[in-house]
Amino acid sequence: MHTQPVPMPLAFILRLALTVLLGLTVTWGAGLHAQTPAARLGGATINSVQIQQQSDGYVLNADVDLPLSNDLEVAAQHGVPLYFTVEFRLVEPRWWWFDREVYDQSQTWRVAYNALVRQWRVTSGDYSVPEMSLSDALHTITRIYNWPVGPFTGLDPDQHYEAQFRMKLDTSLLPRPFRMDALGGRAWALSTPWKNFEFLFSATTPSP
């Protein structure tokens, strides 16, 4: 028994529907591909980080890329202060259990625009410096130089330690209305991954 051929109009319609469906699939897939994981997470990366020993302890130097989303830039340009926190910690690796945290330190910078004087300002504690643009302000906080993180009293010079560092937009310090937006908005999610690196502690303090 021979199967009756599909009438031409119906075959044409089926082919057209399949073509449209495939086209939508490719377009949707391309859209997902265009938003790489790094882009969706804000693209924040740590280019370099190191600890140096000085006469009075240890300092940390780091170079971070922290690109803001359009929503964050617009909010900042309309006077919403943004808070960026760097976190540093030392852990003692333990193969039989979770690593033990032995030291932690953080510092927060506030970046805000004053529309009256048309000036950006970066503040952290007693430190306060004016900047001409948001880009300049971000450059100031993401090029970290000689941040005191030592002297690490109580550490064992014979023990192996691992250092960890990251930088993030601290949404917990945003004005209350924007905290709610930050809870459900990826545009406000901006943080580097933790950067792990080996740290060799020396009990001997070099001479100045």
Protein backbone atom coordinates (compact mmCIF):
# COMPACT_ATOMS: atom_id res chain seq x y z
CA MET A 1 0.00 0.00 0.00
CA HIS A 2 1.42 3.35 -1.03
CA THR A 3 1.23 6.40 1.26
CA GLN A 4 -0.53 9.36 -0.27
CA PRO A 5 1.87 12.27 -0.91
CA VAL A 6 1.47 15.35 1.24
CA PRO A 7 -0.23 18.12 -0.71
CA MET A 8 2.17 20.82 -1.85
CA PRO A 9 0.60 23.69 0.15
CA LEU A 10 0.82 21.72 3.40
CA ALA A 11 4.42 20.63 2.71
CA PHE A 12 5.37 24.20 1.99
CA ILE A 13 3.76 25.37 5.22
CA LEU A 14 5.57 22.68 7.22
CA ARG A 15 8.95 23.60 5.70
CA LEU A 16 8.30 27.29 6.36
CA ALA A 17 7.35 26.62 9.98
CA LEU A 18 10.51 24.50 10.46
CA THR A 19 12.68 27.24 8.94
CA VAL A 20 11.20 29.87 11.23
CA LEU A 21 11.60 27.61 14.25
CA LEU A 22 15.26 26.92 13.45
CA GLY A 23 15.85 30.61 12.87
CA LEU A 24 14.43 31.48 16.26
CA THR A 25 16.53 28.78 17.91
CA VAL A 26 19.74 30.07 16.31
CA THR A 27 18.92 33.66 17.22
CA TRP A 28 18.09 32.75 20.83
CA GLY A 29 21.26 30.66 21.11
CA ALA A 30 23.35 33.48 19.65
CA GLY A 31 21.90 35.85 22.22
CA LEU A 32 22.93 33.56 25.04
CA HIS A 33 26.38 33.15 23.52
CA ALA A 34 26.80 36.91 23.27
CA GLN A 35 26.31 37.17 27.02
CA THR A 36 29.31 35.19 28.19
CA PRO A 37 29.41 34.09 31.85
CA ALA A 38 31.96 36.83 32.56
CA ALA A 39 29.67 39.46 31.04
CA ARG A 40 26.66 38.23 32.98
CA LEU A 41 28.65 38.35 36.20
CA GLY A 42 29.89 41.85 35.50
CA GLY A 43 33.28 40.93 34.06
CA ALA A 44 35.12 41.83 37.27
CA THR A 45 38.59 40.28 37.31
CA ILE A 46 41.81 40.47 39.32
CA ASN A 47 44.74 41.07 37.00
CA SER A 48 47.40 40.82 39.69
CA VAL A 49 47.79 40.70 43.46
CA GLN A 50 50.83 40.34 45.68
CA ILE A 51 51.96 40.84 49.26
CA GLN A 52 55.22 42.58 50.07
CA GLN A 53 57.06 42.70 53.37
CA GLN A 54 58.11 46.12 54.62
CA SER A 55 59.83 47.39 57.73
CA ASP A 56 56.59 47.79 59.66
CA GLY A 57 54.70 44.76 58.36
CA TYR A 58 53.09 43.64 55.11
CA VAL A 59 51.31 45.52 52.34
CA LEU A 60 49.12 44.34 49.49
CA ASN A 61 49.25 45.58 45.90
CA ALA A 62 46.58 44.67 43.38
CA ASP A 63 45.26 45.57 39.95
CA VAL A 64 41.52 44.95 39.43
CA ASP A 65 39.15 45.38 36.50
CA LEU A 66 35.72 46.41 37.75
CA PRO A 67 33.49 47.40 34.78
CA LEU A 68 30.15 48.88 35.79
CA SER A 69 26.89 47.99 34.11
CA ASN A 70 24.88 50.76 32.45
CA ASP A 71 22.39 50.71 35.35
CA LEU A 72 25.19 51.25 37.87
CA GLU A 73 26.70 54.10 35.85
CA VAL A 74 23.34 55.84 35.52
CA ALA A 75 22.63 55.45 39.23
CA ALA A 76 26.06 56.83 40.17
CA GLN A 77 25.71 59.79 37.78
CA HIS A 78 22.39 60.62 39.46
CA GLY A 79 24.02 60.85 42.87
CA VAL A 80 23.61 57.31 44.24
CA PRO A 81 26.77 56.53 46.26
CA LEU A 82 28.45 53.24 45.39
CA TYR A 83 30.48 51.29 47.93
CA PHE A 84 33.30 48.97 46.94
CA THR A 85 34.92 46.62 49.44
CA VAL A 86 38.19 44.73 49.19
CA GLU A 87 38.55 41.65 51.36
CA PHE A 88 41.77 39.89 52.31
CA ARG A 89 42.17 36.79 54.41
CA LEU A 90 44.68 34.12 55.31
CA VAL A 91 43.69 30.50 55.71
CA GLU A 92 45.52 27.46 56.94
CA PRO A 93 44.85 24.57 54.51
CA ARG A 94 43.82 21.33 56.21
CA TRP A 95 43.48 18.19 54.11
CA TRP A 96 41.35 16.38 56.69
CA TRP A 97 38.84 19.21 57.27
CA PHE A 98 37.79 22.65 56.11
CA ASP A 99 40.52 25.29 55.87
CA ARG A 100 40.94 27.34 59.02
CA GLU A 101 40.71 31.12 58.64
CA VAL A 102 43.47 32.75 60.69
CA TYR A 103 43.30 36.39 59.58
CA ASP A 104 40.93 38.71 57.71
CA GLN A 105 40.83 42.38 56.84
CA SER A 106 38.68 44.59 54.63
CA GLN A 107 38.45 48.15 53.44
CA THR A 108 35.55 50.00 51.82
CA TRP A 109 35.63 52.93 49.40
CA ARG A 110 32.69 55.23 48.77
CA VAL A 111 32.35 56.67 45.27
CA ALA A 112 29.83 59.50 44.94
CA TYR A 113 28.98 62.31 42.55
CA ASN A 114 28.15 65.82 43.73
CA ALA A 115 25.96 67.46 41.08
CA LEU A 116 26.32 70.93 42.65
CA VAL A 117 30.06 71.09 42.09
CA ARG A 118 30.08 68.50 39.29
CA GLN A 119 32.74 66.49 40.99
CA TRP A 120 33.31 62.88 41.96
CA ARG A 121 34.80 61.99 45.32
CA VAL A 122 36.39 58.83 46.66
CA THR A 123 36.40 58.42 50.44
CA SER A 124 37.52 55.73 52.86
CA GLY A 125 37.85 56.62 56.52
CA ASP A 126 40.01 59.75 56.75
CA TYR A 127 41.06 59.39 53.12
CA SER A 128 39.18 61.64 50.68
CA VAL A 129 40.17 62.67 47.18
CA PRO A 130 38.27 64.49 44.39
CA GLU A 131 38.15 63.02 40.89
CA MET A 132 37.13 64.49 37.56
CA SER A 133 35.17 61.48 36.29
CA LEU A 134 33.68 58.16 37.32
CA SER A 135 36.41 56.43 35.35
CA ASP A 136 39.08 58.27 37.34
CA ALA A 137 37.36 57.37 40.61
CA LEU A 138 37.25 53.69 39.68
CA HIS A 139 40.89 53.79 38.64
CA THR A 140 41.78 55.13 42.09
CA ILE A 141 40.13 52.28 43.96
CA THR A 142 41.08 49.45 41.62
CA ARG A 143 44.81 50.22 41.55
CA ILE A 144 45.60 49.26 45.12
CA TYR A 145 49.07 50.22 46.32
CA ASN A 146 50.64 49.62 49.74
CA TRP A 147 47.44 48.64 51.54
CA PRO A 148 48.62 47.62 55.05
CA VAL A 149 47.48 44.09 55.84
CA GLY A 150 50.14 42.93 58.34
CA PRO A 151 52.06 42.35 60.59
CA PHE A 152 50.22 39.04 61.21
CA THR A 153 51.21 38.55 64.83
CA GLY A 154 50.75 35.02 66.10
CA LEU A 155 51.35 33.23 62.81
CA ASP A 156 53.70 30.26 62.68
CA PRO A 157 56.63 30.86 60.27
CA ASP A 158 56.88 27.10 59.71
CA GLN A 159 53.23 26.78 58.70
CA HIS A 160 51.97 26.96 55.12
CA TYR A 161 49.27 29.59 54.57
CA GLU A 162 47.12 30.55 51.61
CA ALA A 163 46.11 34.13 50.92
CA GLN A 164 42.74 35.05 49.40
CA PHE A 165 41.62 38.37 47.94
CA ARG A 166 38.56 39.79 46.19
CA MET A 167 36.80 43.07 45.43
CA LYS A 168 33.05 43.62 45.23
CA LEU A 169 30.28 46.18 45.04
CA ASP A 170 28.95 46.18 48.60
CA THR A 171 25.20 46.32 48.07
CA SER A 172 24.53 46.08 51.83
CA LEU A 173 25.67 49.73 52.14
CA LEU A 174 23.45 51.12 49.39
CA PRO A 175 20.54 53.43 50.28
CA ARG A 176 17.57 51.30 51.32
CA PRO A 177 15.46 51.64 48.10
CA PHE A 178 18.39 50.47 46.00
CA ARG A 179 19.10 47.49 48.23
CA MET A 180 15.80 45.98 47.13
CA ASP A 181 16.74 46.47 43.47
CA ALA A 182 20.14 44.93 44.15
CA LEU A 183 18.57 41.80 45.63
CA GLY A 184 16.86 40.90 42.38
CA GLY A 185 18.96 42.62 39.74
CA ARG A 186 22.02 41.21 38.04
CA ALA A 187 23.05 44.72 37.04
CA TRP A 188 23.92 45.29 40.69
CA ALA A 189 25.84 42.04 41.11
CA LEU A 190 29.50 42.97 40.74
CA SER A 191 32.28 40.99 42.36
CA THR A 192 35.53 39.37 41.39
CA PRO A 193 36.00 35.71 42.24
CA TRP A 194 38.24 34.98 45.21
CA LYS A 195 41.86 35.02 44.08
CA ASN A 196 43.94 32.39 45.90
CA PHE A 197 47.71 32.71 46.10
CA GLU A 198 50.46 31.29 48.26
CA PHE A 199 51.77 33.37 51.14
CA LEU A 200 55.12 32.75 52.81
CA PHE A 201 55.19 34.29 56.26
CA SER A 202 58.52 35.33 57.77
CA ALA A 203 58.89 36.00 61.48
CA THR A 204 61.90 38.23 60.77
CA THR A 205 61.09 41.87 60.14
CA PRO A 206 63.55 43.46 57.69
CA SER A 207 65.46 46.56 58.71
CA PRO A 208 64.21 49.85 57.28
